Amino acid sequence: MLNWAVALAFTLLGAALVLYSWRLLYGPTLPDRIVALDTLYLNAVALLVLIGIHFDSTLYFEVALFIALLGFISTVALCRFVSRGRLFE
């Protein structure tokens, strides 16, 4: 049962990655592209956690945590740059 659920989750996350990549490349506005980029890194984190479950390895969970931290910081920095035109005051 777990193998079936993992296979289904891989398929759905792969489809989500493709759709959000499309939105990132062809988004009509800049906020759409920022949201797509944010969602892409969240899906990448979910994919790494799923790979960690599949291979029964804790290394993937640590990498997922690191990517989540970097993704949050980069999203905040990108939104600040778009709204103010600069990162630092």
PDB file of N, CA and C in Angstrom:
ATOM      1  N   MET A   1       0.819  -1.198   0.000  1.00  0.00           N
ATOM      2  CA  MET A   1       0.000   0.000   0.000  1.00  0.00           C
ATOM      3  C   MET A   1       0.865   1.264   0.000  1.00  0.00           C
ATOM      4  N   LEU A   2       1.971   1.229   0.769  1.00  0.00           N
ATOM      5  CA  LEU A   2       2.851   2.383   0.811  1.00  0.00           C
ATOM      6  C   LEU A   2       3.517   2.618  -0.538  1.00  0.00           C
ATOM      7  N   ASN A   3       3.901   1.560  -1.224  1.00  0.00           N
ATOM      8  CA  ASN A   3       4.529   1.712  -2.534  1.00  0.00           C
ATOM      9  C   ASN A   3       3.569   2.354  -3.534  1.00  0.00           C
ATOM     10  N   TRP A   4       2.300   1.990  -3.467  1.00  0.00           N
ATOM     11  CA  TRP A   4       1.307   2.568  -4.359  1.00  0.00           C
ATOM     12  C   TRP A   4       1.114   4.057  -4.055  1.00  0.00           C
ATOM     13  N   ALA A   5       1.067   4.403  -2.781  1.00  0.00           N
ATOM     14  CA  ALA A   5       0.889   5.805  -2.393  1.00  0.00           C
ATOM     15  C   ALA A   5       2.101   6.644  -2.788  1.00  0.00           C
ATOM     16  N   VAL A   6       3.295   6.097  -2.637  1.00  0.00           N
ATOM     17  CA  VAL A   6       4.509   6.822  -3.019  1.00  0.00           C
ATOM     18  C   VAL A   6       4.549   7.025  -4.527  1.00  0.00           C
ATOM     19  N   ALA A   7       4.180   6.012  -5.287  1.00  0.00           N
ATOM     20  CA  ALA A   7       4.156   6.146  -6.750  1.00  0.00           C
ATOM     21  C   ALA A   7       3.139   7.199  -7.188  1.00  0.00           C
ATOM     22  N   LEU A   8       1.982   7.224  -6.557  1.00  0.00           N
ATOM     23  CA  LEU A   8       0.973   8.229  -6.880  1.00  0.00           C
ATOM     24  C   LEU A   8       1.461   9.628  -6.510  1.00  0.00           C
ATOM     25  N   ALA A   9       2.111   9.751  -5.363  1.00  0.00           N
ATOM     26  CA  ALA A   9       2.630  11.048  -4.938  1.00  0.00           C
ATOM     27  C   ALA A   9       3.733  11.534  -5.871  1.00  0.00           C
ATOM     28  N   PHE A  10       4.610  10.635  -6.344  1.00  0.00           N
ATOM     29  CA  PHE A  10       5.631  11.012  -7.320  1.00  0.00           C
ATOM     30  C   PHE A  10       4.990  11.549  -8.600  1.00  0.00           C
ATOM     31  N   THR A  11       3.958  10.889  -9.053  1.00  0.00           N
ATOM     32  CA  THR A  11       3.273  11.308 -10.277  1.00  0.00           C
ATOM     33  C   THR A  11       2.624  12.674 -10.110  1.00  0.00           C
ATOM     34  N   LEU A  12       1.925  12.865  -9.020  1.00  0.00           N
ATOM     35  CA  LEU A  12       1.242  14.140  -8.801  1.00  0.00           C
ATOM     36  C   LEU A  12       2.223  15.286  -8.569  1.00  0.00           C
ATOM     37  N   LEU A  13       3.297  15.036  -7.841  1.00  0.00           N
ATOM     38  CA  LEU A  13       4.306  16.079  -7.642  1.00  0.00           C
ATOM     39  C   LEU A  13       5.035  16.403  -8.939  1.00  0.00           C
ATOM     40  N   GLY A  14       5.276  15.396  -9.758  1.00  0.00           N
ATOM     41  CA  GLY A  14       5.891  15.643 -11.061  1.00  0.00           C
ATOM     42  C   GLY A  14       5.003  16.498 -11.947  1.00  0.00           C
ATOM     43  N   ALA A  15       3.708  16.216 -11.940  1.00  0.00           N
ATOM     44  CA  ALA A  15       2.766  17.027 -12.721  1.00  0.00           C
ATOM     45  C   ALA A  15       2.702  18.456 -12.181  1.00  0.00           C
ATOM     46  N   ALA A  16       2.738  18.601 -10.869  1.00  0.00           N
ATOM     47  CA  ALA A  16       2.716  19.943 -10.282  1.00  0.00           C
ATOM     48  C   ALA A  16       3.979  20.718 -10.638  1.00  0.00           C
ATOM     49  N   LEU A  17       5.122  20.048 -10.639  1.00  0.00           N
ATOM     50  CA  LEU A  17       6.367  20.717 -11.015  1.00  0.00           C
ATOM     51  C   LEU A  17       6.329  21.197 -12.466  1.00  0.00           C
ATOM     52  N   VAL A  18       5.777  20.382 -13.344  1.00  0.00           N
ATOM     53  CA  VAL A  18       5.672  20.780 -14.753  1.00  0.00           C
ATOM     54  C   VAL A  18       4.732  21.970 -14.907  1.00  0.00           C
ATOM     55  N   LEU A  19       3.589  21.942 -14.246  1.00  0.00           N
ATOM     56  CA  LEU A  19       2.620  23.037 -14.371  1.00  0.00           C
ATOM     57  C   LEU A  19       3.153  24.342 -13.783  1.00  0.00           C
ATOM     58  N   TYR A  20       3.819  24.265 -12.649  1.00  0.00           N
ATOM     59  CA  TYR A  20       4.362  25.496 -12.070  1.00  0.00           C
ATOM     60  C   TYR A  20       5.574  26.006 -12.836  1.00  0.00           C
ATOM     61  N   SER A  21       6.317  25.115 -13.472  1.00  0.00           N
ATOM     62  CA  SER A  21       7.397  25.573 -14.351  1.00  0.00           C
ATOM     63  C   SER A  21       6.832  26.343 -15.533  1.00  0.00           C
ATOM     64  N   TRP A  22       5.729  25.861 -16.058  1.00  0.00           N
ATOM     65  CA  TRP A  22       5.047  26.567 -17.144  1.00  0.00           C
ATOM     66  C   TRP A  22       4.613  27.961 -16.688  1.00  0.00           C
ATOM     67  N   ARG A  23       4.056  28.056 -15.500  1.00  0.00           N
ATOM     68  CA  ARG A  23       3.617  29.353 -14.974  1.00  0.00           C
ATOM     69  C   ARG A  23       4.812  30.273 -14.720  1.00  0.00           C
ATOM     70  N   LEU A  24       5.923  29.704 -14.292  1.00  0.00           N
ATOM     71  CA  LEU A  24       7.118  30.507 -14.060  1.00  0.00           C
ATOM     72  C   LEU A  24       7.652  31.091 -15.366  1.00  0.00           C
ATOM     73  N   LEU A  25       7.633  30.303 -16.424  1.00  0.00           N
ATOM     74  CA  LEU A  25       8.171  30.772 -17.702  1.00  0.00           C
ATOM     75  C   LEU A  25       7.217  31.699 -18.446  1.00  0.00           C
ATOM     76  N   TYR A  26       5.923  31.416 -18.391  1.00  0.00           N
ATOM     77  CA  TYR A  26       4.958  32.159 -19.190  1.00  0.00           C
ATOM     78  C   TYR A  26       3.912  32.892 -18.362  1.00  0.00           C
ATOM     79  N   GLY A  27       4.237  33.211 -17.116  1.00  0.00           N
ATOM     80  CA  GLY A  27       3.290  33.924 -16.254  1.00  0.00           C
ATOM     81  C   GLY A  27       2.993  35.306 -16.803  1.00  0.00           C
ATOM     82  N   PRO A  28       1.751  35.745 -16.727  1.00  0.00           N
ATOM     83  CA  PRO A  28       1.442  37.056 -17.305  1.00  0.00           C
ATOM     84  C   PRO A  28       2.027  38.221 -16.500  1.00  0.00           C
ATOM     85  N   THR A  29       2.172  38.067 -15.195  1.00  0.00           N
ATOM     86  CA  THR A  29       2.683  39.169 -14.381  1.00  0.00           C
ATOM     87  C   THR A  29       3.830  38.680 -13.504  1.00  0.00           C
ATOM     88  N   LEU A  30       4.567  39.612 -12.956  1.00  0.00           N
ATOM     89  CA  LEU A  30       5.687  39.282 -12.081  1.00  0.00           C
ATOM     90  C   LEU A  30       5.236  38.603 -10.780  1.00  0.00           C
ATOM     91  N   PRO A  31       4.149  39.054 -10.137  1.00  0.00           N
ATOM     92  CA  PRO A  31       3.705  38.320  -8.934  1.00  0.00           C
ATOM     93  C   PRO A  31       3.317  36.866  -9.216  1.00  0.00           C
ATOM     94  N   ASP A  32       2.762  36.588 -10.396  1.00  0.00           N
ATOM     95  CA  ASP A  32       2.467  35.199 -10.750  1.00  0.00           C
ATOM     96  C   ASP A  32       3.732  34.366 -10.815  1.00  0.00           C
ATOM     97  N   ARG A  33       4.778  34.947 -11.356  1.00  0.00           N
ATOM     98  CA  ARG A  33       6.042  34.228 -11.463  1.00  0.00           C
ATOM     99  C   ARG A  33       6.687  34.027 -10.099  1.00  0.00           C
ATOM    100  N   ILE A  34       6.554  34.988  -9.212  1.00  0.00           N
ATOM    101  CA  ILE A  34       7.110  34.844  -7.864  1.00  0.00           C
ATOM    102  C   ILE A  34       6.384  33.744  -7.101  1.00  0.00           C
ATOM    103  N   VAL A  35       5.073  33.704  -7.214  1.00  0.00           N
ATOM    104  CA  VAL A  35       4.299  32.652  -6.546  1.00  0.00           C
ATOM    105  C   VAL A  35       4.643  31.288  -7.137  1.00  0.00           C
ATOM    106  N   ALA A  36       4.838  31.228  -8.455  1.00  0.00           N
ATOM    107  CA  ALA A  36       5.211  29.962  -9.085  1.00  0.00           C
ATOM    108  C   ALA A  36       6.577  29.493  -8.605  1.00  0.00           C
ATOM    109  N   LEU A  37       7.515  30.421  -8.474  1.00  0.00           N
ATOM    110  CA  LEU A  37       8.842  30.060  -7.976  1.00  0.00           C
ATOM    111  C   LEU A  37       8.772  29.576  -6.529  1.00  0.00           C
ATOM    112  N   ASP A  38       7.980  30.232  -5.722  1.00  0.00           N
ATOM    113  CA  ASP A  38       7.797  29.824  -4.335  1.00  0.00           C
ATOM    114  C   ASP A  38       7.187  28.426  -4.261  1.00  0.00           C
ATOM    115  N   THR A  39       6.201  28.171  -5.078  1.00  0.00           N
ATOM    116  CA  THR A  39       5.550  26.861  -5.081  1.00  0.00           C
ATOM    117  C   THR A  39       6.473  25.788  -5.642  1.00  0.00           C
ATOM    118  N   LEU A  40       7.322  26.153  -6.592  1.00  0.00           N
ATOM    119  CA  LEU A  40       8.279  25.183  -7.128  1.00  0.00           C
ATOM    120  C   LEU A  40       9.246  24.697  -6.053  1.00  0.00           C
ATOM    121  N   TYR A  41       9.743  25.607  -5.250  1.00  0.00           N
ATOM    122  CA  TYR A  41      10.672  25.131  -4.219  1.00  0.00           C
ATOM    123  C   TYR A  41       9.933  24.328  -3.148  1.00  0.00           C
ATOM    124  N   LEU A  42       8.689  24.667  -2.870  1.00  0.00           N
ATOM    125  CA  LEU A  42       7.926  23.854  -1.918  1.00  0.00           C
ATOM    126  C   LEU A  42       7.678  22.449  -2.466  1.00  0.00           C
ATOM    127  N   ASN A  43       7.385  22.358  -3.759  1.00  0.00           N
ATOM    128  CA  ASN A  43       7.208  21.039  -4.369  1.00  0.00           C
ATOM    129  C   ASN A  43       8.521  20.273  -4.405  1.00  0.00           C
ATOM    130  N   ALA A  44       9.633  20.966  -4.594  1.00  0.00           N
ATOM    131  CA  ALA A  44      10.933  20.292  -4.561  1.00  0.00           C
ATOM    132  C   ALA A  44      11.226  19.746  -3.169  1.00  0.00           C
ATOM    133  N   VAL A  45      10.866  20.498  -2.150  1.00  0.00           N
ATOM    134  CA  VAL A  45      11.043  20.019  -0.773  1.00  0.00           C
ATOM    135  C   VAL A  45      10.163  18.790  -0.534  1.00  0.00           C
ATOM    136  N   ALA A  46       8.932  18.836  -0.987  1.00  0.00           N
ATOM    137  CA  ALA A  46       8.037  17.686  -0.832  1.00  0.00           C
ATOM    138  C   ALA A  46       8.565  16.478  -1.599  1.00  0.00           C
ATOM    139  N   LEU A  47       9.135  16.713  -2.770  1.00  0.00           N
ATOM    140  CA  LEU A  47       9.706  15.620  -3.547  1.00  0.00           C
ATOM    141  C   LEU A  47      10.911  15.007  -2.840  1.00  0.00           C
ATOM    142  N   LEU A  48      11.751  15.827  -2.225  1.00  0.00           N
ATOM    143  CA  LEU A  48      12.886  15.298  -1.480  1.00  0.00           C
ATOM    144  C   LEU A  48      12.441  14.497  -0.262  1.00  0.00           C
ATOM    145  N   VAL A  49      11.416  14.959   0.413  1.00  0.00           N
ATOM    146  CA  VAL A  49      10.883  14.193   1.552  1.00  0.00           C
ATOM    147  C   VAL A  49      10.328  12.857   1.070  1.00  0.00           C
ATOM    148  N   LEU A  50       9.657  12.878  -0.055  1.00  0.00           N
ATOM    149  CA  LEU A  50       9.105  11.644  -0.616  1.00  0.00           C
ATOM    150  C   LEU A  50      10.215  10.679  -1.033  1.00  0.00           C
ATOM    151  N   ILE A  51      11.294  11.200  -1.594  1.00  0.00           N
ATOM    152  CA  ILE A  51      12.440  10.353  -1.945  1.00  0.00           C
ATOM    153  C   ILE A  51      13.065   9.776  -0.677  1.00  0.00           C
ATOM    154  N   GLY A  52      13.133  10.582   0.393  1.00  0.00           N
ATOM    155  CA  GLY A  52      13.643  10.083   1.662  1.00  0.00           C
ATOM    156  C   GLY A  52      12.796   8.961   2.229  1.00  0.00           C
ATOM    157  N   ILE A  53      11.488   9.072   2.069  1.00  0.00           N
ATOM    158  CA  ILE A  53      10.595   7.993   2.515  1.00  0.00           C
ATOM    159  C   ILE A  53      10.807   6.753   1.661  1.00  0.00           C
ATOM    160  N   HIS A  54      10.929   6.956   0.360  1.00  0.00           N
ATOM    161  CA  HIS A  54      11.083   5.822  -0.557  1.00  0.00           C
ATOM    162  C   HIS A  54      12.379   5.056  -0.312  1.00  0.00           C
ATOM    163  N   PHE A  55      13.497   5.770  -0.125  1.00  0.00           N
ATOM    164  CA  PHE A  55      14.783   5.120   0.080  1.00  0.00           C
ATOM    165  C   PHE A  55      15.119   4.891   1.550  1.00  0.00           C
ATOM    166  N   ASP A  56      14.264   5.332   2.453  1.00  0.00           N
ATOM    167  CA  ASP A  56      14.460   5.170   3.896  1.00  0.00           C
ATOM    168  C   ASP A  56      15.811   5.751   4.336  1.00  0.00           C
ATOM    169  N   SER A  57      16.034   7.015   3.942  1.00  0.00           N
ATOM    170  CA  SER A  57      17.283   7.698   4.245  1.00  0.00           C
ATOM    171  C   SER A  57      16.980   9.046   4.887  1.00  0.00           C
ATOM    172  N   THR A  58      17.724   9.387   5.929  1.00  0.00           N
ATOM    173  CA  THR A  58      17.500  10.666   6.601  1.00  0.00           C
ATOM    174  C   THR A  58      18.243  11.807   5.929  1.00  0.00           C
ATOM    175  N   LEU A  59      19.169  11.508   5.051  1.00  0.00           N
ATOM    176  CA  LEU A  59      19.927  12.553   4.373  1.00  0.00           C
ATOM    177  C   LEU A  59      19.010  13.455   3.546  1.00  0.00           C
ATOM    178  N   TYR A  60      18.027  12.878   2.903  1.00  0.00           N
ATOM    179  CA  TYR A  60      17.103  13.658   2.077  1.00  0.00           C
ATOM    180  C   TYR A  60      16.274  14.629   2.916  1.00  0.00           C
ATOM    181  N   PHE A  61      15.965  14.257   4.132  1.00  0.00           N
ATOM    182  CA  PHE A  61      15.204  15.145   5.003  1.00  0.00           C
ATOM    183  C   PHE A  61      16.025  16.365   5.404  1.00  0.00           C
ATOM    184  N   GLU A  62      17.308  16.157   5.637  1.00  0.00           N
ATOM    185  CA  GLU A  62      18.180  17.283   5.974  1.00  0.00           C
ATOM    186  C   GLU A  62      18.354  18.223   4.790  1.00  0.00           C
ATOM    187  N   VAL A  63      18.504  17.665   3.601  1.00  0.00           N
ATOM    188  CA  VAL A  63      18.616  18.487   2.396  1.00  0.00           C
ATOM    189  C   VAL A  63      17.317  19.250   2.162  1.00  0.00           C
ATOM    190  N   ALA A  64      16.197  18.606   2.394  1.00  0.00           N
ATOM    191  CA  ALA A  64      14.895  19.269   2.231  1.00  0.00           C
ATOM    192  C   ALA A  64      14.746  20.428   3.204  1.00  0.00           C
ATOM    193  N   LEU A  65      15.202  20.257   4.423  1.00  0.00           N
ATOM    194  CA  LEU A  65      15.146  21.330   5.406  1.00  0.00           C
ATOM    195  C   LEU A  65      16.015  22.506   4.984  1.00  0.00           C
ATOM    196  N   PHE A  66      17.199  22.223   4.465  1.00  0.00           N
ATOM    197  CA  PHE A  66      18.103  23.275   4.006  1.00  0.00           C
ATOM    198  C   PHE A  66      17.508  24.029   2.812  1.00  0.00           C
ATOM    199  N   ILE A  67      16.925  23.308   1.868  1.00  0.00           N
ATOM    200  CA  ILE A  67      16.298  23.954   0.710  1.00  0.00           C
ATOM    201  C   ILE A  67      15.092  24.783   1.136  1.00  0.00           C
ATOM    202  N   ALA A  68      14.330  24.305   2.101  1.00  0.00           N
ATOM    203  CA  ALA A  68      13.190  25.077   2.595  1.00  0.00           C
ATOM    204  C   ALA A  68      13.644  26.385   3.227  1.00  0.00           C
ATOM    205  N   LEU A  69      14.735  26.341   3.971  1.00  0.00           N
ATOM    206  CA  LEU A  69      15.277  27.554   4.585  1.00  0.00           C
ATOM    207  C   LEU A  69      15.756  28.536   3.520  1.00  0.00           C
ATOM    208  N   LEU A  70      16.500  28.058   2.546  1.00  0.00           N
ATOM    209  CA  LEU A  70      16.971  28.926   1.467  1.00  0.00           C
ATOM    210  C   LEU A  70      15.816  29.467   0.624  1.00  0.00           C
ATOM    211  N   GLY A  71      14.815  28.648   0.397  1.00  0.00           N
ATOM    212  CA  GLY A  71      13.665  29.086  -0.379  1.00  0.00           C
ATOM    213  C   GLY A  71      12.887  30.190   0.316  1.00  0.00           C
ATOM    214  N   PHE A  72      12.733  30.074   1.620  1.00  0.00           N
ATOM    215  CA  PHE A  72      12.026  31.115   2.366  1.00  0.00           C
ATOM    216  C   PHE A  72      12.789  32.432   2.318  1.00  0.00           C
ATOM    217  N   ILE A  73      14.092  32.364   2.547  1.00  0.00           N
ATOM    218  CA  ILE A  73      14.907  33.576   2.520  1.00  0.00           C
ATOM    219  C   ILE A  73      14.906  34.209   1.137  1.00  0.00           C
ATOM    220  N   SER A  74      15.009  33.394   0.098  1.00  0.00           N
ATOM    221  CA  SER A  74      15.029  33.950  -1.256  1.00  0.00           C
ATOM    222  C   SER A  74      13.677  34.535  -1.645  1.00  0.00           C
ATOM    223  N   THR A  75      12.588  33.957  -1.194  1.00  0.00           N
ATOM    224  CA  THR A  75      11.268  34.519  -1.494  1.00  0.00           C
ATOM    225  C   THR A  75      11.093  35.870  -0.818  1.00  0.00           C
ATOM    226  N   VAL A  76      11.511  35.981   0.422  1.00  0.00           N
ATOM    227  CA  VAL A  76      11.421  37.261   1.130  1.00  0.00           C
ATOM    228  C   VAL A  76      12.290  38.307   0.448  1.00  0.00           C
ATOM    229  N   ALA A  77      13.510  37.926   0.067  1.00  0.00           N
ATOM    230  CA  ALA A  77      14.408  38.871  -0.596  1.00  0.00           C
ATOM    231  C   ALA A  77      13.863  39.301  -1.952  1.00  0.00           C
ATOM    232  N   LEU A  78      13.317  38.374  -2.702  1.00  0.00           N
ATOM    233  CA  LEU A  78      12.769  38.709  -4.021  1.00  0.00           C
ATOM    234  C   LEU A  78      11.559  39.620  -3.906  1.00  0.00           C
ATOM    235  N   CYS A  79      10.681  39.357  -2.971  1.00  0.00           N
ATOM    236  CA  CYS A  79       9.506  40.222  -2.776  1.00  0.00           C
ATOM    237  C   CYS A  79       9.918  41.609  -2.304  1.00  0.00           C
ATOM    238  N   ARG A  80      10.915  41.672  -1.440  1.00  0.00           N
ATOM    239  CA  ARG A  80      11.393  42.977  -0.984  1.00  0.00           C
ATOM    240  C   ARG A  80      12.032  43.754  -2.133  1.00  0.00           C
ATOM    241  N   PHE A  81      12.778  43.069  -2.982  1.00  0.00           N
ATOM    242  CA  PHE A  81      13.398  43.722  -4.121  1.00  0.00           C
ATOM    243  C   PHE A  81      12.349  44.235  -5.105  1.00  0.00           C
ATOM    244  N   VAL A  82      11.313  43.446  -5.344  1.00  0.00           N
ATOM    245  CA  VAL A  82      10.264  43.861  -6.275  1.00  0.00           C
ATOM    246  C   VAL A  82       9.467  45.033  -5.715  1.00  0.00           C
ATOM    247  N   SER A  83       9.183  45.014  -4.411  1.00  0.00           N
ATOM    248  CA  SER A  83       8.349  46.074  -3.845  1.00  0.00           C
ATOM    249  C   SER A  83       9.107  47.372  -3.627  1.00  0.00           C
ATOM    250  N   ARG A  84      10.400  47.299  -3.247  1.00  0.00           N
ATOM    251  CA  ARG A  84      11.152  48.518  -2.926  1.00  0.00           C
ATOM    252  C   ARG A  84      12.199  48.893  -3.967  1.00  0.00           C
ATOM    253  N   GLY A  85      12.586  47.956  -4.791  1.00  0.00           N
ATOM    254  CA  GLY A  85      13.595  48.239  -5.786  1.00  0.00           C
ATOM    255  C   GLY A  85      15.022  48.021  -5.306  1.00  0.00           C
ATOM    256  N   ARG A  86      15.183  47.626  -4.059  1.00  0.00           N
ATOM    257  CA  ARG A  86      16.502  47.349  -3.501  1.00  0.00           C
ATOM    258  C   ARG A  86      16.345  46.348  -2.342  1.00  0.00           C
ATOM    259  N   LEU A  87      17.444  45.688  -2.021  1.00  0.00           N
ATOM    260  CA  LEU A  87      17.396  44.716  -0.929  1.00  0.00           C
ATOM    261  C   LEU A  87      17.733  45.322   0.410  1.00  0.00           C
ATOM    262  N   PHE A  88      18.741  46.180   0.425  1.00  0.00           N
ATOM    263  CA  PHE A  88      19.211  46.746   1.684  1.00  0.00           C
ATOM    264  C   PHE A  88      18.855  48.232   1.748  1.00  0.00           C
ATOM    265  N   GLU A  89      18.716  48.721   2.953  1.00  0.00           N
ATOM    266  CA  GLU A  89      18.352  50.140   3.108  1.00  0.00           C
ATOM    267  C   GLU A  89      19.536  51.029   3.259  1.00  0.00           C
TER     268      GLU A  89
END
